[in-house]
Protein backbone atom coordinates (compact mmCIF):
# COMPACT_ATOMS: atom_id res chain seq x y z
CA MET A 1 0.00 0.00 0.00
CA PRO A 2 2.70 2.53 0.84
CA ALA A 3 4.46 1.60 -2.40
CA ARG A 4 1.31 2.24 -4.41
CA VAL A 5 0.85 5.57 -2.65
CA SER A 6 4.40 6.61 -3.42
CA LEU A 7 3.99 5.59 -7.05
CA LEU A 8 0.69 7.50 -7.31
CA ALA A 9 2.27 10.53 -5.66
CA ALA A 10 5.18 10.37 -8.06
CA PHE A 11 2.74 10.16 -10.99
CA PHE A 12 0.81 13.22 -9.88
CA GLN A 13 4.01 15.08 -9.02
CA GLY A 14 5.36 14.41 -12.50
CA ASN A 15 2.07 15.41 -14.08
CA THR A 16 2.05 18.65 -12.11
CA LEU A 17 5.53 19.50 -13.32
CA THR A 18 4.45 18.74 -16.87
CA MET A 19 1.34 20.89 -16.52
CA LYS A 20 3.43 23.74 -15.16
CA LYS A 21 5.77 23.45 -18.10
CA VAL A 22 2.84 23.40 -20.50
CA TRP A 23 1.31 26.43 -18.79
CA ILE A 24 4.58 28.38 -18.88
CA SER A 25 5.18 27.40 -22.51
CA THR A 26 1.64 28.36 -23.48
CA THR A 27 1.90 31.67 -21.66
CA LEU A 28 5.22 32.47 -23.31
CA PHE A 29 3.80 31.47 -26.68
CA PHE A 30 0.87 33.85 -26.33
CA LEU A 31 3.13 36.61 -25.02
CA VAL A 32 5.35 36.23 -28.07
CA ILE A 33 2.31 36.22 -30.37
CA PHE A 34 0.87 39.29 -28.64
CA GLY A 35 4.24 41.07 -28.77
CA ALA A 36 4.64 40.25 -32.45
CA TRP A 37 1.07 41.38 -33.15
CA TYR A 38 1.62 44.65 -31.27
CA LEU A 39 4.92 45.22 -33.06
CA VAL A 40 3.39 44.59 -36.48
CA ILE A 41 0.44 46.89 -35.77
CA HIS A 42 2.66 49.60 -34.29
CA LEU A 43 5.22 49.49 -37.07
CA GLY A 44 2.44 49.20 -39.60
CA GLN A 45 0.79 52.34 -38.31
CA GLU A 46 4.12 54.18 -38.42
CA PHE A 47 4.68 52.96 -41.98
CA ILE A 48 1.21 54.00 -43.04
CA GLU A 49 1.67 57.43 -41.45
CA ARG A 50 5.04 57.94 -43.12
CA HIS A 51 3.63 56.67 -46.41
CA ARG A 52 0.60 58.94 -46.06
CA GLN A 53 2.84 61.92 -45.39
CA ALA A 54 5.12 60.98 -48.26
CA GLU A 55 2.13 60.86 -50.59
CA LYS A 56 1.26 64.45 -49.70
CA THR A 57 2.95 67.14 -51.79
CA LEU A 58 4.19 64.53 -54.27
CA THR A 59 5.42 67.35 -56.47
CA PRO A 60 6.77 70.26 -54.39
CA ILE A 61 5.39 73.73 -54.91
CA ALA A 62 6.89 75.53 -57.92
CA PRO A 63 5.88 78.20 -60.46
CA GLY A 64 3.43 76.70 -62.95
CA LYS A 65 4.78 75.49 -66.29
CA ASN A 66 1.69 76.57 -68.23
CA HIS A 67 0.92 79.64 -66.13
CA PRO A 68 4.22 80.90 -64.62
CA GLN A 69 2.55 83.69 -62.65
CA TYR A 70 0.75 81.06 -60.56
CA TRP A 71 2.01 78.31 -58.30
CA SER A 72 1.55 74.64 -59.04
CA MET A 73 1.70 71.61 -56.79
CA ASN A 74 1.09 67.94 -57.51
CA GLY A 75 0.82 68.73 -61.21
CA GLU A 76 -1.96 71.31 -60.90
CA ASP A 77 -2.11 75.10 -60.97
CA ILE A 78 -3.28 76.38 -57.60
CA MET A 79 -4.61 79.67 -56.30
CA LEU A 80 -3.18 80.31 -52.83
CA LEU A 81 -5.94 81.57 -50.52
CA GLY A 82 -5.49 82.05 -46.80
CA GLY A 83 -6.13 83.72 -43.50
CA SER A 84 -5.04 82.94 -39.94
CA VAL A 85 -5.40 84.18 -36.40
CA GLU A 86 -1.65 84.76 -36.01
CA ASP A 87 1.42 85.38 -38.14
CA ASN A 88 3.76 83.14 -36.13
CA LEU A 89 1.28 80.31 -36.48
CA PHE A 90 3.65 77.60 -35.26
CA GLN A 91 3.58 79.19 -31.80
CA ILE A 92 -0.17 78.87 -31.16
CA ASP A 93 -2.02 76.13 -29.29
CA GLY A 94 -4.52 74.11 -31.32
CA VAL A 95 -2.77 74.79 -34.62
CA GLU A 96 -4.16 71.63 -36.25
CA GLU A 97 -7.74 72.66 -35.53
CA HIS A 98 -7.00 76.10 -36.98
CA LEU A 99 -5.56 74.56 -40.13
CA ASP A 100 -8.62 72.30 -40.41
CA LEU A 101 -10.85 75.38 -40.22
CA LEU A 102 -8.85 77.06 -42.96
CA GLN A 103 -9.02 73.96 -45.12
CA SER A 104 -12.77 73.63 -44.59
CA ALA A 105 -13.21 77.14 -45.98
CA GLY A 106 -11.17 76.30 -49.08
CA GLY A 107 -7.92 77.84 -47.82
CA ASN A 108 -4.46 76.45 -48.56
CA TYR A 109 -2.02 79.22 -47.59
CA VAL A 110 -0.58 80.57 -44.34
CA ARG A 111 2.09 82.99 -43.23
CA ASN A 112 4.64 82.00 -40.60
CA THR A 113 7.02 84.55 -39.16
CA MET A 114 9.78 83.11 -36.98
CA SER A 115 8.64 85.48 -34.27
CA SER A 116 8.63 85.10 -30.48
CA ARG A 117 7.44 88.51 -29.33
CA ASP A 118 3.92 87.61 -28.19
CA ASP A 119 3.00 86.46 -24.66
CA GLY A 120 3.53 82.74 -24.21
CA ASN A 121 5.84 82.39 -27.22
CA LEU A 122 9.02 80.34 -27.02
CA TRP A 123 12.46 81.54 -28.13
CA PRO A 124 14.71 79.23 -30.17
CA PHE A 125 17.60 79.08 -27.71
CA ALA A 126 18.02 77.34 -24.34
CA GLN A 127 17.98 79.46 -21.19
CA ASN A 128 20.35 78.97 -18.27
CA GLU A 129 19.27 79.01 -14.63
CA ASP A 130 20.48 82.60 -14.33
CA GLY A 131 18.02 83.62 -17.06
CA LEU A 132 20.64 84.19 -19.75
CA TYR A 133 20.43 82.38 -23.07
CA ASP A 134 23.12 80.14 -24.53
CA LEU A 135 23.10 80.57 -28.30
CA ASN A 136 25.00 77.29 -28.66
CA ARG A 137 22.10 75.32 -27.18
CA TRP A 138 18.57 74.95 -28.53
CA ASN A 139 15.17 75.17 -26.94
CA GLU A 140 13.92 71.88 -28.35
CA ALA A 141 10.29 72.74 -27.50
CA TYR A 142 10.48 75.69 -29.93
CA TRP A 143 11.80 73.55 -32.76
CA SER A 144 9.37 70.75 -31.98
CA ARG A 145 6.52 73.24 -32.39
CA PHE A 146 7.98 74.38 -35.71
CA ASP A 147 8.34 70.85 -37.07
CA HIS A 148 4.87 69.85 -35.86
CA PHE A 149 3.42 72.87 -37.64
CA LEU A 150 5.23 72.17 -40.92
CA LYS A 151 4.14 68.53 -40.82
CA ALA A 152 0.51 69.49 -40.13
CA CYS A 153 0.53 71.87 -43.09
CA SER A 154 2.18 69.31 -45.37
CA ILE A 155 -0.42 66.66 -44.57
CA ARG A 156 -3.15 69.13 -45.53
CA ASP A 157 -1.36 70.47 -48.66
CA ILE A 158 -1.31 73.94 -47.08
CA VAL A 159 1.49 76.16 -48.38
CA VAL A 160 3.60 77.96 -45.77
CA GLN A 161 5.31 81.27 -46.54
CA ILE A 162 8.03 81.61 -43.89
CA GLU A 163 9.54 84.97 -42.94
CA LEU A 164 12.99 84.07 -41.71
CA TRP A 165 13.86 87.23 -39.78
CA ALA A 166 10.94 88.66 -37.80
CA THR A 167 11.84 92.36 -38.14
CA PHE A 168 9.77 93.64 -35.22
CA ASP A 169 11.41 91.17 -32.80
CA PHE A 170 14.59 93.25 -33.03
CA TYR A 171 13.20 96.61 -31.90
CA GLY A 172 11.55 98.06 -28.80
CA GLU A 173 10.25 95.75 -26.07
CA PRO A 174 10.81 92.52 -28.05
CA TRP A 175 14.49 93.42 -28.52
CA ALA A 176 14.81 93.97 -24.77
CA VAL A 177 14.13 90.24 -24.20
CA ASN A 178 15.51 88.84 -27.47
CA PRO A 179 18.27 86.21 -26.97
CA PHE A 180 20.35 87.89 -29.70
CA ASN A 181 20.51 91.04 -27.54
CA PRO A 182 24.02 91.03 -25.96
CA LYS A 183 22.63 91.64 -22.48
CA ASN A 184 20.51 88.47 -22.71
CA ASN A 185 23.11 85.83 -23.65
CA VAL A 186 26.40 84.37 -22.43
CA ASN A 187 28.03 84.22 -25.85
CA TYR A 188 29.05 87.80 -26.62
CA THR A 189 29.07 91.32 -25.23
CA SER A 190 27.75 94.51 -26.73
CA ASP A 191 31.29 95.68 -27.42
CA ARG A 192 32.20 92.40 -29.15
CA VAL A 193 29.35 92.47 -31.69
CA HIS A 194 28.67 96.23 -31.77
CA LEU A 195 24.99 95.89 -30.91
CA ARG A 196 23.06 98.27 -28.67
CA SER A 197 21.07 96.67 -25.87
CA GLU A 198 18.28 99.26 -26.19
CA ILE A 199 16.70 100.23 -29.51
CA ASN A 200 13.35 101.93 -29.06
CA SER A 201 12.86 103.31 -32.56
CA HIS A 202 10.56 101.89 -35.24
CA PRO A 203 12.17 99.35 -37.62
CA VAL A 204 11.79 101.82 -40.49
CA MET A 205 14.65 103.77 -38.89
CA THR A 206 16.93 100.69 -39.30
CA GLU A 207 18.94 101.47 -36.16
CA ASN A 208 19.73 97.86 -35.27
CA ASP A 209 23.05 96.76 -36.76
CA PHE A 210 21.90 93.17 -36.38
CA PHE A 211 20.82 93.60 -40.02
CA ARG A 212 24.29 94.77 -41.15
CA SER A 213 26.35 91.77 -40.07
CA VAL A 214 26.90 90.36 -43.57
CA PRO A 215 30.33 90.40 -45.28
CA SER A 216 29.44 93.18 -47.75
CA GLN A 217 28.54 95.47 -44.84
CA HIS A 218 29.99 95.28 -41.31
CA CYS A 219 31.30 91.72 -41.71
CA ASN A 220 30.45 91.06 -38.07
CA LEU A 221 31.70 87.49 -37.99
CA LYS A 222 30.89 86.74 -34.37
CA LEU A 223 27.28 87.78 -34.75
CA LEU A 224 27.07 86.16 -38.18
CA GLU A 225 28.22 82.88 -36.64
CA TYR A 226 25.10 82.69 -34.47
CA GLN A 227 22.81 83.98 -37.19
CA GLN A 228 24.06 81.13 -39.36
CA LEU A 229 23.45 78.60 -36.59
CA PHE A 230 19.84 79.74 -36.34
CA MET A 231 19.35 79.64 -40.10
CA ASP A 232 20.91 76.19 -40.44
CA LYS A 233 18.69 74.86 -37.68
CA LEU A 234 15.59 76.30 -39.34
CA LEU A 235 16.51 74.83 -42.73
CA SER A 236 17.18 71.44 -41.17
CA TYR A 237 13.43 71.26 -40.59
CA SER A 238 11.91 73.23 -43.47
CA LEU A 239 13.89 71.58 -46.27
CA ALA A 240 12.19 68.28 -45.42
CA TYR A 241 8.91 69.68 -46.76
CA GLY A 242 7.87 70.60 -50.28
CA ASN A 243 5.11 73.06 -49.36
CA VAL A 244 7.34 75.90 -48.13
CA LEU A 245 8.09 79.34 -49.62
CA TYR A 246 10.74 81.63 -48.14
CA CYS A 247 10.70 85.38 -47.48
CA ILE A 248 13.82 86.93 -45.95
CA ASP A 249 12.18 89.71 -43.87
CA ASN A 250 8.91 91.38 -42.91
CA GLU A 251 8.32 94.78 -44.58
CA THR A 252 11.97 95.66 -44.27
CA SER A 253 13.77 98.96 -44.83
CA VAL A 254 17.35 97.69 -44.53
CA THR A 255 19.80 97.47 -47.42
CA ALA A 256 19.51 94.94 -50.21
CA GLU A 257 22.91 93.46 -49.26
CA TRP A 258 21.37 91.80 -46.20
CA ALA A 259 18.59 90.12 -48.18
CA THR A 260 20.93 89.19 -51.03
CA PHE A 261 23.32 87.45 -48.65
CA TRP A 262 20.64 85.36 -46.97
CA ALA A 263 18.80 84.55 -50.20
CA ARG A 264 22.02 83.21 -51.70
CA TYR A 265 22.88 81.36 -48.52
CA ILE A 266 19.62 79.46 -48.08
CA LYS A 267 19.57 78.58 -51.79
CA ALA A 268 23.10 77.20 -51.52
CA VAL A 269 22.17 75.09 -48.49
CA ALA A 270 19.09 73.83 -50.32
CA ILE A 271 21.17 72.77 -53.33
CA GLU A 272 23.57 70.93 -51.02
CA HIS A 273 20.53 68.94 -49.82
CA ASN A 274 19.28 68.33 -53.39
CA LYS A 275 16.35 70.67 -52.86
CA GLU A 276 15.02 73.59 -54.88
CA ILE A 277 13.45 76.45 -52.94
CA TYR A 278 11.71 79.71 -53.85
CA VAL A 279 12.66 82.98 -52.20
CA THR A 280 11.49 86.60 -52.05
CA GLU A 281 11.94 89.76 -49.98
CA MET A 282 9.17 92.00 -48.64
CA TRP A 283 9.97 95.72 -48.79
CA ASP A 284 8.21 98.36 -46.71
CA PRO A 285 7.14 101.02 -49.29
CA TRP A 286 3.44 100.90 -50.21
CA ASN A 287 4.23 102.34 -53.62
CA LEU A 288 5.23 99.44 -55.87
CA ASP A 289 6.99 101.89 -58.18
CA HIS A 290 9.46 102.68 -55.39
CA ILE A 291 12.93 101.83 -56.66
CA ILE A 292 13.62 99.42 -53.77
CA HIS A 293 11.06 96.96 -55.18
CA ARG A 294 13.31 96.59 -58.23
CA GLU A 295 15.81 94.78 -56.03
CA THR A 296 13.30 91.94 -56.14
CA THR A 297 11.62 92.36 -59.51
CA ASP A 298 14.85 92.85 -61.47
CA HIS A 299 16.65 89.82 -60.05
CA PRO A 300 14.74 86.65 -60.94
CA GLU A 301 17.97 84.68 -60.60
CA LEU A 302 17.78 85.38 -56.87
CA TYR A 303 14.11 86.10 -56.12
CA ASP A 304 11.75 83.51 -57.55
CA PHE A 305 8.56 85.36 -56.67
CA VAL A 306 7.50 88.88 -55.71
CA ASP A 307 5.57 89.79 -52.57
CA ILE A 308 3.46 92.95 -52.91
CA SER A 309 1.64 92.80 -49.56
CA GLN A 310 2.28 96.47 -48.82
CA ASN A 311 0.14 97.38 -51.83
CA ASN A 312 -2.82 96.22 -49.77
CA HIS A 313 -2.60 99.44 -47.78
CA ASN A 314 -3.92 101.09 -50.96
CA THR A 315 -7.57 101.06 -52.01
CA GLY A 316 -9.81 101.10 -55.07
CA ASP A 317 -8.40 101.69 -58.53
CA VAL A 318 -4.99 102.61 -57.09
CA HIS A 319 -4.70 99.17 -55.52
CA TRP A 320 -5.82 97.45 -58.74
CA ASN A 321 -3.57 99.49 -61.03
CA ASN A 322 -0.51 99.03 -58.82
CA GLY A 323 -0.91 95.26 -58.88
CA LEU A 324 -1.47 95.25 -62.64
CA SER A 325 1.58 97.45 -63.21
CA MET A 326 3.78 95.02 -61.30
CA ILE A 327 2.61 92.05 -63.36
CA LYS A 328 2.95 94.03 -66.61
CA ARG A 329 6.49 95.09 -65.65
CA LEU A 330 7.50 91.49 -65.03
CA THR A 331 5.84 90.35 -68.27
CA SER A 332 7.39 93.06 -70.45
CA ARG A 333 10.88 92.10 -69.29
CA GLY A 334 10.37 88.37 -69.71
CA MET A 335 10.54 87.88 -65.94
CA LEU A 336 6.96 86.85 -65.20
CA ARG A 337 6.69 84.85 -61.99
CA PRO A 338 4.26 84.54 -59.06
CA VAL A 339 3.18 87.73 -57.29
CA ASN A 340 2.10 87.00 -53.71
CA ASN A 341 0.02 88.86 -51.13
CA VAL A 342 0.73 87.27 -47.74
CA LYS A 343 -0.94 90.15 -45.89
CA VAL A 344 -4.25 91.81 -46.76
CA TYR A 345 -4.98 94.59 -44.29
CA GLY A 346 -8.34 95.87 -43.12
CA ASN A 347 -10.56 95.49 -40.08
CA ASP A 348 -13.15 97.85 -38.64
CA GLY A 349 -11.46 97.39 -35.26
CA GLY A 350 -7.92 97.98 -36.52
CA LYS A 351 -5.72 100.87 -37.59
CA HIS A 352 -5.22 99.99 -41.26
CA GLN A 353 -8.29 100.18 -43.51
CA THR A 354 -11.80 98.83 -42.97
CA THR A 355 -13.34 95.38 -43.26
CA GLN A 356 -14.83 96.32 -46.63
CA ASN A 357 -11.42 97.49 -47.85
CA SER A 358 -10.02 94.12 -46.79
CA ILE A 359 -12.65 92.19 -48.73
CA ASP A 360 -12.18 94.36 -51.81
CA ALA A 361 -8.40 94.06 -51.82
CA TYR A 362 -8.59 90.30 -51.31
CA VAL A 363 -10.92 89.82 -54.27
CA ARG A 364 -9.08 92.30 -56.50
CA ASN A 365 -5.83 90.39 -55.87
CA VAL A 366 -7.47 87.26 -57.22
CA LEU A 367 -8.92 88.95 -60.29
CA LEU A 368 -5.87 91.03 -61.25
CA GLY A 369 -3.72 87.90 -61.50
CA ALA A 370 -1.85 87.68 -58.20
CA ALA A 371 -0.78 84.19 -57.18
CA SER A 372 -1.93 84.48 -53.58
CA SER A 373 -4.12 86.43 -51.20
CA ARG A 374 -4.19 86.04 -47.41
CA PHE A 375 -6.01 87.96 -44.69
CA HIS A 376 -3.68 89.56 -42.14
CA ARG A 377 -4.11 88.66 -38.47
CA PRO A 378 -6.55 90.63 -36.27
CA PRO A 379 -6.97 93.35 -35.22
CA THR A 380 -5.17 94.68 -38.33
CA GLY A 381 -6.85 92.16 -40.61
CA GLN A 382 -9.71 89.67 -40.73
CA GLY A 383 -7.60 86.68 -39.71
CA LEU A 384 -9.81 83.63 -40.12
CA ASN A 385 -13.08 84.99 -38.76
CA LEU A 386 -16.43 84.17 -40.36
CA THR A 387 -16.07 86.97 -42.90
CA ALA A 388 -12.65 85.68 -43.92
CA GLN A 389 -13.92 82.12 -44.20
CA ARG A 390 -16.73 83.14 -46.54
CA ILE A 391 -14.50 85.29 -48.74
CA ILE A 392 -11.97 82.47 -49.00
CA SER A 393 -14.77 80.07 -49.94
CA SER A 394 -16.08 82.50 -52.54
CA MET A 395 -12.68 82.93 -54.15
CA ARG A 396 -12.15 79.18 -54.20
CA MET A 397 -15.42 78.88 -56.13
CA VAL A 398 -14.24 81.57 -58.54
CA SER A 399 -10.76 80.11 -59.06
CA GLY A 400 -12.37 76.74 -59.74
CA LYS A 401 -14.24 78.02 -62.79
CA ASP A 402 -13.11 76.73 -66.18
CA GLY A 403 -10.68 79.11 -67.81
CA PHE A 404 -9.74 80.97 -64.64
CA TYR A 405 -5.98 80.59 -65.11
CA ASP A 406 -6.20 81.52 -68.80
CA ALA A 407 -8.15 84.71 -68.05
CA VAL A 408 -6.59 88.16 -67.78
CA PRO A 409 -7.74 91.52 -66.36
CA HIS A 410 -10.08 93.26 -68.81
CA ASN A 411 -11.54 96.44 -67.31
CA GLN A 412 -11.51 97.99 -70.78
CA LEU A 413 -14.49 95.76 -71.60
CA LEU A 414 -16.62 97.60 -69.00
CA GLU A 415 -18.74 100.56 -70.08
CA MET A 416 -20.58 103.01 -67.82
CA ARG A 417 -18.06 102.14 -65.12
CA GLU A 418 -17.43 104.63 -62.35
CA ALA A 419 -14.26 104.68 -60.24
CA ASP A 420 -13.95 101.53 -58.11
CA GLU A 421 -17.37 100.33 -59.26
CA ALA A 422 -16.45 97.09 -61.00
CA TYR A 423 -13.46 94.97 -61.99
CA CYS A 424 -13.27 92.45 -64.83
CA ARG A 425 -11.20 89.35 -65.52
CA ALA A 426 -11.95 87.41 -68.69
CA VAL A 427 -11.10 85.08 -71.51
CA ALA A 428 -12.57 87.44 -74.08
CA GLY A 429 -15.44 85.89 -76.01
CA LYS A 430 -15.68 82.89 -73.66
CA MET A 431 -15.75 83.65 -69.93
CA TYR A 432 -16.02 86.77 -67.76
CA LEU A 433 -15.77 87.50 -64.04
CA VAL A 434 -17.02 90.92 -62.93
CA TYR A 435 -16.65 92.02 -59.31
CA PHE A 436 -18.75 94.80 -57.79
CA PRO A 437 -17.34 95.90 -54.37
CA GLN A 438 -20.55 97.67 -53.33
CA GLY A 439 -23.11 97.05 -56.00
CA GLY A 440 -23.54 98.84 -59.30
CA GLU A 441 -24.49 98.56 -62.95
CA VAL A 442 -22.16 98.28 -65.94
CA SER A 443 -22.29 97.22 -69.53
CA LEU A 444 -19.94 94.40 -70.50
CA GLN A 445 -18.67 94.04 -74.07
CA VAL A 446 -18.63 90.35 -74.95
CA LEU A 447 -17.12 90.85 -78.45
CA ARG A 448 -19.68 88.72 -80.25
CA ALA A 449 -23.40 88.20 -80.08
CA PRO A 450 -23.85 85.28 -77.68
CA ALA A 451 -25.64 82.24 -79.07
CA GLY A 452 -26.08 81.07 -75.52
CA LEU A 453 -25.47 82.91 -72.30
CA GLN A 454 -24.90 81.53 -68.80
CA VAL A 455 -24.92 84.08 -65.96
CA GLU A 456 -24.52 83.40 -62.24
CA TRP A 457 -24.28 85.82 -59.34
CA LEU A 458 -22.01 85.05 -56.40
CA ASP A 459 -22.91 86.66 -53.09
CA ILE A 460 -19.33 87.22 -51.94
CA LYS A 461 -20.08 87.67 -48.24
CA LYS A 462 -22.28 84.58 -48.06
CA ALA A 463 -20.22 82.36 -50.39
CA ALA A 464 -23.42 81.41 -52.21
CA TRP A 465 -24.45 81.44 -55.86
CA ASP A 466 -27.71 83.16 -56.69
CA VAL A 467 -30.00 82.81 -59.67
CA ALA A 468 -29.23 85.13 -62.56
CA ASN A 469 -31.32 88.28 -62.67
CA ASN A 470 -30.90 91.91 -63.61
CA VAL A 471 -29.10 90.87 -66.79
CA LYS A 472 -29.96 92.29 -70.20
CA VAL A 473 -28.36 91.34 -73.51
CA GLU A 474 -28.06 94.10 -76.09
CA ASN A 475 -26.33 93.00 -79.30
CA LYS A 476 -22.71 92.36 -78.21
CA LYS A 477 -23.17 93.76 -74.72
CA VAL A 478 -24.43 92.34 -71.46
CA VAL A 479 -25.84 94.83 -68.98
CA LEU A 480 -25.14 93.71 -65.42
CA LYS A 481 -26.91 95.12 -62.38
CA THR A 482 -26.19 93.65 -58.95
CA PRO A 483 -29.08 92.12 -56.98
CA THR A 484 -28.28 94.43 -54.02
CA SER A 485 -25.82 97.20 -53.18
CA ASP A 486 -23.46 94.77 -51.43
CA SER A 487 -20.44 92.81 -52.75
CA TRP A 488 -21.28 90.65 -55.76
CA LEU A 489 -19.43 88.83 -58.51
CA ALA A 490 -20.98 87.95 -61.85
CA TYR A 491 -19.82 84.88 -63.75
CA ILE A 492 -20.70 85.00 -67.45
CA LYS A 493 -20.05 82.12 -69.81
CA ILE A 494 -20.59 82.43 -73.57
CA ASN A 495 -21.58 79.23 -75.36
């Protein structure tokens, strides 16, 4: 009996050991399977995300081959339309939601100054415990924001126009806390780089020698060393994306040598990374005939597009004629290329123009042949408020019409036109767009008696098409009268 018990005990003991081994083996097996499954899913998601991002902006932004005064991307001509709540958009919270709102309105264009002067903004350099900055170390949170922003725009095919040097960050109160200010960093003194620690004048006075560091001017090599570090860091992110345009400064008044140096430098760096980029400079004078604008218009080998944002301070026929003159000048010299408007001013609560002026300038930019139009941030502009959203939507509808990119300004086809009453863009004999800022009645020459006539009215401020009315055909003329005294655009197609 004891022997049987011992044998039975040994049997069960052996079975228990076997069961434990089976349980451990089974557990390990499922853990391996689960781990492999998790790894495959995780890596798969990363691959899909990278692949999805790679699919976006398949062909980087470039001047159009068929229409060189417009931009093209992914093989198609595009009208750049935008508006945003801030200029340094990478610094804001909820940037993806803001970009989604822009995209939902038909927008595809934002401005991004590398500015840090607003409350809550980050600076690009690391700060020591004593409060001083070290220009040899980076604030990774700043650059993470920048990269996140660029990636979010790329995914949505939104074009970013970057202003590399945020002019107003180097004057007044922003300069007092700027890391480049000698009193704020551990890397150089005021005597070493010949920079004043206090500069309270307006940037138009150009009293900050920060903008004279380049070899053809002061050749301030110590300062230039850190300016280069900043620029190289910026390019290390931006060159990874094909939806980026570059502007050296914001409404600058400094010498052309500064802009020339940096335009050449960033182009050289881009070439070294097998990239092609497009660069401009934004000058301060509102008058586009000012000789300083020729530093951009007359040098297509350096400046690939022209920014005429300061023209948006002008109104009515002056605004229209200035924009036309710029495009005609470029055309006559065989230098036609995109003409951008990254800032459209005007807000009833601001200091530059009214809301109506803003709407008018935005629409005129589209009709006169500019490659882009974007509402300036509030309170100086509309930003991306409801008005801005509807105007953007309206202009997307207009730019989507057949023949839009082939059309040209044609105010000479308008009869009975008073000053600033109506503006025309057309493919003569085929398609016409006539914009009325505040209502009106004009007679449109259509060159031939229409066999068939299609007329639609677009309520600009509601982004809605209305049934055609108040239209009379008289021989080779179409008499257009707006439904109300508000902003309307007539689309006329001749069959």
